[in-house]
C-alpha atoms as a PDB file:
ATOM      1  CA  MET A   1       0.000   0.000   0.000  1.00  0.00           C
ATOM      2  CA  ALA A   2       1.301   3.452  -0.883  1.00  0.00           C
ATOM      3  CA  VAL A   3       2.295   5.932   1.795  1.00  0.00           C
ATOM      4  CA  SER A   4      -0.272   8.674   2.397  1.00  0.00           C
ATOM      5  CA  LEU A   5       0.835  12.258   1.847  1.00  0.00           C
ATOM      6  CA  GLU A   6       0.049  13.112   5.471  1.00  0.00           C
ATOM      7  CA  THR A   7       2.314  10.367   6.776  1.00  0.00           C
ATOM      8  CA  ALA A   8       4.994  11.250   4.229  1.00  0.00           C
ATOM      9  CA  ASP A   9       5.026  14.862   5.438  1.00  0.00           C
ATOM     10  CA  LYS A  10       5.340  13.768   9.074  1.00  0.00           C
ATOM     11  CA  TYR A  11       8.197  11.456   8.165  1.00  0.00           C
ATOM     12  CA  VAL A  12      10.013  14.224   6.287  1.00  0.00           C
ATOM     13  CA  THR A  13       9.716  16.484   9.348  1.00  0.00           C
ATOM     14  CA  TYR A  14      11.085  13.647  11.484  1.00  0.00           C
ATOM     15  CA  ILE A  15      14.049  13.130   9.144  1.00  0.00           C
ATOM     16  CA  HIS A  16      14.854  16.846   9.084  1.00  0.00           C
ATOM     17  CA  LYS A  17      15.044  16.652  12.877  1.00  0.00           C
ATOM     18  CA  LYS A  18      17.208  13.534  12.861  1.00  0.00           C
ATOM     19  CA  VAL A  19      19.769  14.889  10.402  1.00  0.00           C
ATOM     20  CA  THR A  20      20.625  17.711  12.803  1.00  0.00           C
ATOM     21  CA  ALA A  21      22.563  14.999  14.666  1.00  0.00           C
ATOM     22  CA  PRO A  22      25.873  14.309  12.848  1.00  0.00           C
ATOM     23  CA  GLY A  23      25.724  10.565  13.518  1.00  0.00           C
ATOM     24  CA  SER A  24      22.279  10.139  12.021  1.00  0.00           C
ATOM     25  CA  ARG A  25      23.119  12.338   9.040  1.00  0.00           C
ATOM     26  CA  ALA A  26      26.265  10.319   8.324  1.00  0.00           C
ATOM     27  CA  ALA A  27      24.423   7.005   8.655  1.00  0.00           C
ATOM     28  CA  LEU A  28      21.750   8.075   6.201  1.00  0.00           C
ATOM     29  CA  ARG A  29      24.225   9.573   3.739  1.00  0.00           C
ATOM     30  CA  ARG A  30      26.164   6.292   3.598  1.00  0.00           C
ATOM     31  CA  SER A  31      22.996   4.557   2.406  1.00  0.00           C
ATOM     32  CA  LEU A  32      22.433   6.975  -0.486  1.00  0.00           C
ATOM     33  CA  GLY A  33      21.654   5.124  -3.710  1.00  0.00           C
ATOM     34  CA  ARG A  34      22.269   1.726  -2.107  1.00  0.00           C
ATOM     35  CA  PRO A  35      19.891  -1.239  -1.637  1.00  0.00           C
ATOM     36  CA  VAL A  36      18.204  -1.528   1.739  1.00  0.00           C
ATOM     37  CA  ASP A  37      20.034  -4.819   2.410  1.00  0.00           C
ATOM     38  CA  ASP A  38      23.458  -3.340   1.562  1.00  0.00           C
ATOM     39  CA  ALA A  39      26.046  -3.298   4.353  1.00  0.00           C
ATOM     40  CA  ALA A  40      26.347   0.484   4.021  1.00  0.00           C
ATOM     41  CA  THR A  41      22.675   0.842   4.978  1.00  0.00           C
ATOM     42  CA  ARG A  42      22.887  -0.987   8.315  1.00  0.00           C
ATOM     43  CA  ARG A  43      23.267   2.107  10.478  1.00  0.00           C
ATOM     44  CA  ALA A  44      20.349   3.780   8.714  1.00  0.00           C
ATOM     45  CA  HIS A  45      17.964   1.152  10.106  1.00  0.00           C
ATOM     46  CA  SER A  46      18.067   2.819  13.528  1.00  0.00           C
ATOM     47  CA  VAL A  47      16.618   5.993  11.979  1.00  0.00           C
ATOM     48  CA  VAL A  48      14.162   4.567   9.452  1.00  0.00           C
ATOM     49  CA  ALA A  49      12.922   1.152  10.618  1.00  0.00           C
ATOM     50  CA  ALA A  50      10.398   2.429  13.185  1.00  0.00           C
ATOM     51  CA  TRP A  51       8.468   4.161  10.377  1.00  0.00           C
ATOM     52  CA  LEU A  52       8.047   1.116   8.154  1.00  0.00           C
ATOM     53  CA  PRO A  53       4.391  -0.021   8.086  1.00  0.00           C
ATOM     54  CA  SER A  54       5.088  -3.729   8.786  1.00  0.00           C
ATOM     55  CA  GLU A  55       7.680  -6.487   8.606  1.00  0.00           C
ATOM     56  CA  ARG A  56       6.347  -7.419   5.142  1.00  0.00           C
ATOM     57  CA  THR A  57       6.620  -3.950   3.666  1.00  0.00           C
ATOM     58  CA  ARG A  58       6.692  -3.923  -0.129  1.00  0.00           C
ATOM     59  CA  SER A  59      10.012  -3.195  -1.771  1.00  0.00           C
ATOM     60  CA  ALA A  60       8.912   0.134  -3.255  1.00  0.00           C
ATOM     61  CA  VAL A  61       7.584   1.411   0.078  1.00  0.00           C
ATOM     62  CA  GLU A  62      10.677   0.336   2.012  1.00  0.00           C
ATOM     63  CA  ASN A  63      13.016   1.857  -0.558  1.00  0.00           C
ATOM     64  CA  ALA A  64      10.973   5.071  -0.573  1.00  0.00           C
ATOM     65  CA  TYR A  65      11.482   5.585   3.160  1.00  0.00           C
ATOM     66  CA  TYR A  66      15.215   4.866   3.050  1.00  0.00           C
ATOM     67  CA  GLY A  67      15.815   6.705  -0.215  1.00  0.00           C
ATOM     68  CA  VAL A  68      14.105   9.949   0.763  1.00  0.00           C
ATOM     69  CA  ALA A  69      15.850   9.958   4.155  1.00  0.00           C
ATOM     70  CA  ALA A  70      19.243   9.504   2.500  1.00  0.00           C
ATOM     71  CA  MET A  71      18.602  12.251  -0.050  1.00  0.00           C
ATOM     72  CA  ILE A  72      17.532  14.689   2.664  1.00  0.00           C
ATOM     73  CA  ALA A  73      20.656  13.848   4.660  1.00  0.00           C
ATOM     74  CA  ALA A  74      22.782  14.486   1.560  1.00  0.00           C
ATOM     75  CA  GLN A  75      21.465  18.033   1.144  1.00  0.00           C
ATOM     76  CA  PRO A  76      23.802  20.893   2.090  1.00  0.00           C
ATOM     77  CA  ARG A  77      23.381  22.077   5.679  1.00  0.00           C
ATOM     78  CA  ARG A  78      21.364  25.225   6.177  1.00  0.00           C
ATOM     79  CA  ARG A  79      21.544  27.797   8.944  1.00  0.00           C
ATOM     80  CA  ASP A  80      17.881  27.407   9.875  1.00  0.00           C
ATOM     81  CA  GLU A  81      17.963  23.611   9.875  1.00  0.00           C
ATOM     82  CA  GLN A  82      17.666  23.224  13.662  1.00  0.00           C
ATOM     83  CA  ALA A  83      15.089  25.976  14.076  1.00  0.00           C
ATOM     84  CA  ASP A  84      12.750  24.518  11.460  1.00  0.00           C
ATOM     85  CA  ALA A  85      12.907  20.946  12.700  1.00  0.00           C
ATOM     86  CA  GLU A  86      10.253  19.481  14.988  1.00  0.00           C
ATOM     87  CA  ASP A  87      10.485  16.384  17.128  1.00  0.00           C
ATOM     88  CA  VAL A  88       7.951  14.020  15.550  1.00  0.00           C
ATOM     89  CA  PRO A  89       7.597  10.468  16.884  1.00  0.00           C
ATOM     90  CA  PRO A  90       7.461   7.569  14.420  1.00  0.00           C
ATOM     91  CA  LEU A  91       4.052   6.287  13.402  1.00  0.00           C
ATOM     92  CA  VAL A  92       3.344   2.676  14.224  1.00  0.00           C
ATOM     93  CA  GLN A  93       0.809   2.400  11.409  1.00  0.00           C
ATOM     94  CA  ASP A  94      -0.221   4.611   8.513  1.00  0.00           C
ATOM     95  CA  GLU A  95      -3.919   4.817   9.318  1.00  0.00           C
ATOM     96  CA  SER A  96      -4.697   7.413   6.651  1.00  0.00           C
ATOM     97  CA  ALA A  97      -3.479   5.077   3.912  1.00  0.00           C
ATOM     98  CA  ASN A  98      -6.560   2.929   4.602  1.00  0.00           C
ATOM     99  CA  GLU A  99      -8.993   5.772   3.921  1.00  0.00           C
ATOM    100  CA  PRO A 100     -11.004   5.723   0.679  1.00  0.00           C
ATOM    101  CA  GLU A 101      -9.097   7.444  -2.111  1.00  0.00           C
ATOM    102  CA  ALA A 102     -11.801  10.043  -2.692  1.00  0.00           C
ATOM    103  CA  ALA A 103     -11.772  11.063   0.980  1.00  0.00           C
ATOM    104  CA  ARG A 104      -7.991  11.335   0.987  1.00  0.00           C
ATOM    105  CA  LYS A 105      -7.989  13.638  -2.031  1.00  0.00           C
ATOM    106  CA  LYS A 106     -10.264  16.115  -0.260  1.00  0.00           C
ATOM    107  CA  THR A 107      -7.999  16.441   2.767  1.00  0.00           C
ATOM    108  CA  GLU A 108      -4.539  16.271   1.192  1.00  0.00           C
ATOM    109  CA  ARG A 109      -2.553  19.468   0.815  1.00  0.00           C
ATOM    110  CA  PRO A 110      -1.613  20.690  -2.679  1.00  0.00           C
ATOM    111  CA  SER A 111       1.645  19.052  -3.701  1.00  0.00           C
ATOM    112  CA  VAL A 112       4.198  19.306  -6.501  1.00  0.00           C
ATOM    113  CA  SER A 113       5.607  16.317  -8.375  1.00  0.00           C
ATOM    114  CA  LEU A 114       9.267  15.861  -9.221  1.00  0.00           C
ATOM    115  CA  GLY A 115       8.410  16.473 -12.863  1.00  0.00           C
ATOM    116  CA  ALA A 116       6.831  19.826 -12.021  1.00  0.00           C
ATOM    117  CA  THR A 117       9.860  20.837  -9.934  1.00  0.00           C
ATOM    118  CA  LEU A 118      12.239  20.000 -12.775  1.00  0.00           C
ATOM    119  CA  GLY A 119      10.004  21.717 -15.319  1.00  0.00           C
ATOM    120  CA  THR A 120       9.934  24.912 -13.259  1.00  0.00           C
ATOM    121  CA  ALA A 121      13.731  24.872 -12.972  1.00  0.00           C
ATOM    122  CA  VAL A 122      13.987  24.561 -16.769  1.00  0.00           C
ATOM    123  CA  ARG A 123      11.439  27.303 -17.367  1.00  0.00           C
ATOM    124  CA  ASP A 124      13.346  29.608 -15.018  1.00  0.00           C
ATOM    125  CA  LYS A 125      16.617  28.871 -16.877  1.00  0.00           C
ATOM    126  CA  LYS A 126      18.200  27.310 -13.816  1.00  0.00           C
ATOM    127  CA  LEU A 127      18.764  23.919 -15.443  1.00  0.00           C
ATOM    128  CA  ASN A 128      19.465  22.808 -19.000  1.00  0.00           C
ATOM    129  CA  ARG A 129      16.343  21.468 -20.682  1.00  0.00           C
ATOM    130  CA  ASP A 130      17.962  18.753 -22.780  1.00  0.00           C
ATOM    131  CA  THR A 131      19.906  17.328 -19.824  1.00  0.00           C
ATOM    132  CA  VAL A 132      16.954  17.389 -17.454  1.00  0.00           C
ATOM    133  CA  GLU A 133      14.552  15.953 -20.016  1.00  0.00           C
ATOM    134  CA  ALA A 134      16.883  13.042 -20.783  1.00  0.00           C
ATOM    135  CA  ARG A 135      17.407  12.280 -17.094  1.00  0.00           C
ATOM    136  CA  LEU A 136      13.699  12.392 -16.357  1.00  0.00           C
ATOM    137  CA  HIS A 137      12.881   9.962 -19.164  1.00  0.00           C
ATOM    138  CA  LEU A 138      15.659   7.673 -17.919  1.00  0.00           C
ATOM    139  CA  LEU A 139      14.206   7.732 -14.405  1.00  0.00           C
ATOM    140  CA  CYS A 140      10.773   6.871 -15.735  1.00  0.00           C
ATOM    141  CA  ARG A 141      12.115   3.684 -17.354  1.00  0.00           C
ATOM    142  CA  GLN A 142      13.682   2.295 -14.174  1.00  0.00           C
ATOM    143  CA  ASP A 143      12.549  -0.456 -11.866  1.00  0.00           C
ATOM    144  CA  VAL A 144      12.622   0.204  -8.104  1.00  0.00           C
ATOM    145  CA  SER A 145      16.330  -0.499  -7.613  1.00  0.00           C
ATOM    146  CA  GLY A 146      17.372   1.412 -10.736  1.00  0.00           C
ATOM    147  CA  LEU A 147      15.265   4.386  -9.735  1.00  0.00           C
ATOM    148  CA  HIS A 148      16.982   4.665  -6.355  1.00  0.00           C
ATOM    149  CA  ARG A 149      20.432   4.404  -7.939  1.00  0.00           C
ATOM    150  CA  LYS A 150      19.779   7.219 -10.386  1.00  0.00           C
ATOM    151  CA  LEU A 151      17.437   9.543  -8.513  1.00  0.00           C
ATOM    152  CA  PRO A 152      20.077  11.027  -6.127  1.00  0.00           C
ATOM    153  CA  SER A 153      22.000  12.596  -9.015  1.00  0.00           C
ATOM    154  CA  VAL A 154      18.842  14.370 -10.203  1.00  0.00           C
ATOM    155  CA  VAL A 155      18.148  15.675  -6.697  1.00  0.00           C
ATOM    156  CA  ARG A 156      21.777  16.829  -6.400  1.00  0.00           C
ATOM    157  CA  GLN A 157      21.338  18.767  -9.624  1.00  0.00           C
ATOM    158  CA  LEU A 158      18.391  20.583  -8.065  1.00  0.00           C
ATOM    159  CA  ALA A 159      20.393  21.204  -4.883  1.00  0.00           C
ATOM    160  CA  THR A 160      23.094  23.040  -6.844  1.00  0.00           C
ATOM    161  CA  LYS A 161      20.414  25.640  -7.610  1.00  0.00           C
ATOM    162  CA  GLU A 162      19.088  25.576  -4.030  1.00  0.00           C
ATOM    163  CA  ILE A 163      15.872  23.855  -5.114  1.00  0.00           C
ATOM    164  CA  ASP A 164      14.242  21.208  -2.934  1.00  0.00           C
ATOM    165  CA  PRO A 165      11.735  18.739  -4.320  1.00  0.00           C
ATOM    166  CA  ASP A 166       8.443  18.342  -2.497  1.00  0.00           C
ATOM    167  CA  TRP A 167       9.843  15.604  -0.259  1.00  0.00           C
ATOM    168  CA  GLY A 168       6.473  14.371   0.976  1.00  0.00           C
ATOM    169  CA  ARG A 169       5.073  14.060  -2.531  1.00  0.00           C
ATOM    170  CA  LEU A 170       8.290  12.380  -3.688  1.00  0.00           C
ATOM    171  CA  LEU A 171       8.055   9.786  -0.924  1.00  0.00           C
ATOM    172  CA  ARG A 172       4.434   9.092  -1.846  1.00  0.00           C
ATOM    173  CA  ASP A 173       5.264   8.706  -5.532  1.00  0.00           C
ATOM    174  CA  LEU A 174       8.239   6.430  -4.860  1.00  0.00           C
ATOM    175  CA  SER A 175       6.124   4.215  -2.616  1.00  0.00           C
ATOM    176  CA  ARG A 176       3.763   3.620  -5.562  1.00  0.00           C
ATOM    177  CA  TRP A 177       6.514   2.662  -8.017  1.00  0.00           C
ATOM    178  CA  GLU A 178       6.104  -1.089  -7.762  1.00  0.00           C
ATOM    179  CA  HIS A 179       2.466  -1.211  -8.847  1.00  0.00           C
ATOM    180  CA  ASP A 180       1.573   2.259 -10.162  1.00  0.00           C
ATOM    181  CA  ARG A 181       4.738   3.272 -11.985  1.00  0.00           C
ATOM    182  CA  ASN A 182       2.921   4.073 -15.213  1.00  0.00           C
ATOM    183  CA  LEU A 183       0.554   6.465 -13.448  1.00  0.00           C
ATOM    184  CA  VAL A 184       3.372   8.161 -11.512  1.00  0.00           C
ATOM    185  CA  THR A 185       5.615   8.555 -14.543  1.00  0.00           C
ATOM    186  CA  LYS A 186       2.745   9.844 -16.671  1.00  0.00           C
ATOM    187  CA  ARG A 187       2.139  12.573 -14.115  1.00  0.00           C
ATOM    188  CA  TRP A 188       5.858  13.402 -13.810  1.00  0.00           C
ATOM    189  CA  LEU A 189       6.207  13.800 -17.567  1.00  0.00           C
ATOM    190  CA  GLN A 190       2.964  15.746 -18.007  1.00  0.00           C
ATOM    191  CA  ASP A 191       3.903  18.088 -15.154  1.00  0.00           C
ATOM    192  CA  PHE A 192       7.398  18.546 -16.540  1.00  0.00           C
ATOM    193  CA  TYR A 193       6.245  19.649 -19.985  1.00  0.00           C
ATOM    194  CA  ARG A 194       3.415  21.732 -18.576  1.00  0.00           C
ATOM    195  CA  ARG A 195       5.841  23.690 -16.409  1.00  0.00           C
ATOM    196  CA  ALA A 196       8.826  23.751 -18.768  1.00  0.00           C
ATOM    197  CA  ASP A 197       6.773  25.106 -21.658  1.00  0.00           C
ATOM    198  CA  ALA A 198       4.723  27.570 -19.624  1.00  0.00           C
ATOM    199  CA  PRO A 199       5.325  31.177 -20.747  1.00  0.00           C
ATOM    200  CA  GLU A 200       4.937  32.397 -17.173  1.00  0.00           C
ATOM    201  CA  PRO A 201       4.472  30.922 -13.673  1.00  0.00           C
ATOM    202  CA  PRO A 202       1.207  28.962 -13.466  1.00  0.00           C
ATOM    203  CA  ASN A 203      -1.768  30.342 -11.593  1.00  0.00           C
ATOM    204  CA  ALA A 204      -2.418  29.342  -8.016  1.00  0.00           C
ATOM    205  CA  ASP A 205      -5.134  26.972  -9.223  1.00  0.00           C
ATOM    206  CA  ASP A 206      -2.514  25.017 -11.164  1.00  0.00           C
ATOM    207  CA  GLN A 207      -0.257  24.441  -8.150  1.00  0.00           C
ATOM    208  CA  SER A 208      -2.231  21.478  -6.846  1.00  0.00           C
ATOM    209  CA  GLU A 209      -0.961  18.255  -8.378  1.00  0.00           C
ATOM    210  CA  SER A 210      -1.523  15.985  -5.433  1.00  0.00           C
ATOM    211  CA  GLU A 211      -3.014  12.988  -7.189  1.00  0.00           C
ATOM    212  CA  ASP A 212      -2.990  11.186 -10.515  1.00  0.00           C
ATOM    213  CA  GLN A 213      -6.192  11.219 -12.483  1.00  0.00           C
END
């Protein structure tokens, strides 16, 4: 089952708190782009494992939790990092993921897909269109393990321009990769071209891209 956006946001807040501790940051960074069962990921279990929904968590969901944590830990430190972080306890179970999809859509915050973030960076001349477009299409062709090997380099490219993806939305999308990859990638690509080719910033009504149709 995919991670709900509400739970994803709480987890991201938790990780931002944890990476203020050098030991946790280093443990997560060592796991960047590596499989969950890799030796380099062992120390990351102490940070991430309590958030996993169950012992039989699907591969895409498990990798989403570890991958997003590692990518956040790999971001450059910021002066306001400690001030912005909140101490959020792990969730034992993602209750909101069991809600009917229609009900979840009504309560979820507006969110921005990775494709939209990359498209905006291209539109604003911060990143090269041809390079970003090729990398995005490559990402969309990957299985779960390939996605997590290649995704960190795309996020690093955004970081060089001081752009953060919508971490909560990214975690949600990654958790769906195993069974809904076609829907997620369709939305990433549509959002990319919609933003990249927009003559001006989209209206406020266009900001909400929280769910695939």
